[in-house]
Every structure is written in C-alpha cells, then in structure tokens.
C-alpha cells in the first residue's frame, strides 16, 4: 500500500509472547533522545502487546 500504513499479511498467524528487554550504555546521564525513547516504550508498548 502506498499509504504508509502497516497491513497484516497473515492475520490468523499468532506467535507466542515473549519478554522485551532494552539495553543501553551505563552512563551517568542518558541523552535526552535515548531517555525519550525509553519513556515512550514504557508508556506505549504494553498496550501494543495485548491481543
């Protein structure tokens, strides 16, 4: 599709859920864009993983 939206190719195919891990460098201060990405994942990912 040219709209840029994702399309389910195999909607009846499901995979088993698994934990998601995030790894980043151990530094005193994270870059603001790294911190923003982590915050967005924490806020939005759980709702995306619910069937």
N, C-alpha and C. Protein backbone atom coordinates (compact mmCIF):
# COMPACT_ATOMS: atom_id res chain seq x y z
N UNK A 1 0.84 -1.18 0.00
CA UNK A 1 0.00 0.00 0.00
C UNK A 1 0.88 1.25 0.00
N UNK A 2 0.46 2.24 -0.69
CA UNK A 2 1.22 3.48 -0.74
C UNK A 2 0.88 4.43 0.38
N UNK A 3 -0.07 4.07 1.24
CA UNK A 3 -0.47 4.97 2.32
C UNK A 3 0.57 5.04 3.43
N UNK A 4 1.46 4.06 3.49
CA UNK A 4 2.46 4.03 4.54
C UNK A 4 2.02 3.29 5.79
N UNK A 5 0.79 2.77 5.80
CA UNK A 5 0.27 2.04 6.95
C UNK A 5 0.68 0.57 6.88
N UNK A 6 0.88 -0.03 8.05
CA UNK A 6 1.18 -1.46 8.10
C UNK A 6 -0.08 -2.26 7.79
N UNK A 7 0.10 -3.37 7.12
CA UNK A 7 -1.01 -4.24 6.77
C UNK A 7 -0.70 -5.64 7.27
N UNK A 8 -1.67 -6.26 7.95
CA UNK A 8 -1.47 -7.64 8.42
C UNK A 8 -1.47 -8.57 7.21
N UNK A 9 -0.39 -9.31 7.04
CA UNK A 9 -0.27 -10.22 5.91
C UNK A 9 -0.86 -11.58 6.26
N UNK A 10 -0.61 -12.04 7.48
CA UNK A 10 -1.14 -13.32 7.95
C UNK A 10 -1.88 -13.08 9.26
N UNK A 11 -3.08 -12.50 9.21
CA UNK A 11 -3.79 -12.13 10.44
C UNK A 11 -4.13 -13.32 11.35
N UNK A 12 -4.26 -14.51 10.80
CA UNK A 12 -4.60 -15.67 11.64
C UNK A 12 -3.38 -16.31 12.27
N UNK A 13 -2.20 -15.90 11.86
CA UNK A 13 -0.95 -16.45 12.40
C UNK A 13 -0.55 -15.68 13.65
N UNK A 14 -0.44 -16.37 14.78
CA UNK A 14 -0.04 -15.74 16.05
C UNK A 14 1.25 -16.38 16.54
N UNK A 15 2.08 -15.60 17.19
CA UNK A 15 3.29 -16.14 17.79
C UNK A 15 3.15 -16.03 19.30
N UNK A 16 3.89 -16.86 20.00
CA UNK A 16 3.87 -16.83 21.46
C UNK A 16 4.50 -15.52 21.95
N UNK A 17 3.94 -15.00 23.02
CA UNK A 17 4.51 -13.77 23.58
C UNK A 17 5.83 -14.07 24.26
N UNK A 18 6.67 -13.07 24.32
CA UNK A 18 7.95 -13.23 24.99
C UNK A 18 8.33 -11.88 25.60
N UNK A 19 9.19 -11.90 26.61
CA UNK A 19 9.57 -10.65 27.26
C UNK A 19 10.36 -9.74 26.30
N UNK A 20 10.27 -8.46 26.55
CA UNK A 20 11.01 -7.47 25.78
C UNK A 20 12.05 -6.86 26.70
N UNK A 21 13.28 -6.79 26.23
CA UNK A 21 14.37 -6.21 27.03
C UNK A 21 14.96 -5.03 26.28
N UNK A 22 15.35 -4.02 27.02
CA UNK A 22 16.04 -2.87 26.45
C UNK A 22 17.41 -2.77 27.09
N UNK A 23 18.41 -2.57 26.27
CA UNK A 23 19.79 -2.45 26.77
C UNK A 23 20.35 -1.13 26.27
N UNK A 24 20.97 -0.39 27.18
CA UNK A 24 21.62 0.85 26.80
C UNK A 24 22.89 1.00 27.60
N UNK A 25 23.80 1.86 27.15
CA UNK A 25 25.09 2.01 27.84
C UNK A 25 24.91 2.53 29.27
N UNK A 26 25.75 2.06 30.15
CA UNK A 26 25.71 2.54 31.53
C UNK A 26 26.53 3.83 31.60
N UNK A 27 25.81 4.92 31.59
CA UNK A 27 26.44 6.24 31.67
C UNK A 27 25.72 7.05 32.74
N UNK A 28 26.37 8.06 33.22
CA UNK A 28 25.78 8.88 34.28
C UNK A 28 24.52 9.59 33.78
N UNK A 29 24.56 10.14 32.59
CA UNK A 29 23.42 10.88 32.05
C UNK A 29 23.09 10.34 30.65
N UNK A 30 21.87 9.86 30.49
CA UNK A 30 21.43 9.40 29.17
C UNK A 30 21.14 10.61 28.30
N UNK A 31 21.37 10.48 27.00
CA UNK A 31 21.00 11.53 26.08
C UNK A 31 19.48 11.67 26.11
N UNK A 32 19.00 12.87 25.91
CA UNK A 32 17.56 13.13 26.02
C UNK A 32 16.75 12.31 25.03
N UNK A 33 17.27 12.09 23.82
CA UNK A 33 16.50 11.29 22.85
C UNK A 33 16.48 9.82 23.26
N UNK A 34 17.51 9.33 23.92
CA UNK A 34 17.50 7.95 24.43
C UNK A 34 16.49 7.83 25.55
N UNK A 35 16.50 8.76 26.48
CA UNK A 35 15.54 8.75 27.59
C UNK A 35 14.11 8.86 27.07
N UNK A 36 13.88 9.71 26.08
CA UNK A 36 12.54 9.87 25.50
C UNK A 36 12.07 8.59 24.84
N UNK A 37 12.97 7.90 24.16
CA UNK A 37 12.62 6.63 23.52
C UNK A 37 12.24 5.59 24.56
N UNK A 38 13.01 5.49 25.62
CA UNK A 38 12.72 4.54 26.69
C UNK A 38 11.37 4.86 27.33
N UNK A 39 11.13 6.13 27.61
CA UNK A 39 9.85 6.54 28.21
C UNK A 39 8.68 6.21 27.30
N UNK A 40 8.83 6.42 25.99
CA UNK A 40 7.76 6.11 25.04
C UNK A 40 7.50 4.61 25.00
N UNK A 41 8.56 3.80 25.00
CA UNK A 41 8.38 2.34 25.01
C UNK A 41 7.65 1.87 26.26
N UNK A 42 8.04 2.39 27.40
CA UNK A 42 7.41 2.01 28.67
C UNK A 42 5.93 2.38 28.66
N UNK A 43 5.61 3.54 28.09
CA UNK A 43 4.23 4.01 28.08
C UNK A 43 3.35 3.29 27.05
N UNK A 44 3.89 2.98 25.89
CA UNK A 44 3.07 2.51 24.78
C UNK A 44 3.17 1.02 24.47
N UNK A 45 4.29 0.41 24.76
CA UNK A 45 4.49 -0.98 24.38
C UNK A 45 3.52 -1.96 25.05
N UNK A 46 3.20 -1.84 26.33
CA UNK A 46 2.27 -2.80 26.92
C UNK A 46 0.92 -2.86 26.20
N UNK A 47 0.39 -1.73 25.81
CA UNK A 47 -0.90 -1.72 25.09
C UNK A 47 -0.77 -2.35 23.71
N UNK A 48 0.39 -2.23 23.09
CA UNK A 48 0.60 -2.80 21.76
C UNK A 48 0.72 -4.32 21.81
N UNK A 49 1.15 -4.84 22.95
CA UNK A 49 1.38 -6.29 23.06
C UNK A 49 0.13 -7.07 23.48
N UNK A 50 -0.89 -6.38 23.90
CA UNK A 50 -2.14 -7.04 24.31
C UNK A 50 -2.87 -7.50 23.08
N UNK A 51 -3.35 -8.72 23.11
CA UNK A 51 -4.07 -9.26 21.94
C UNK A 51 -5.44 -8.70 21.85
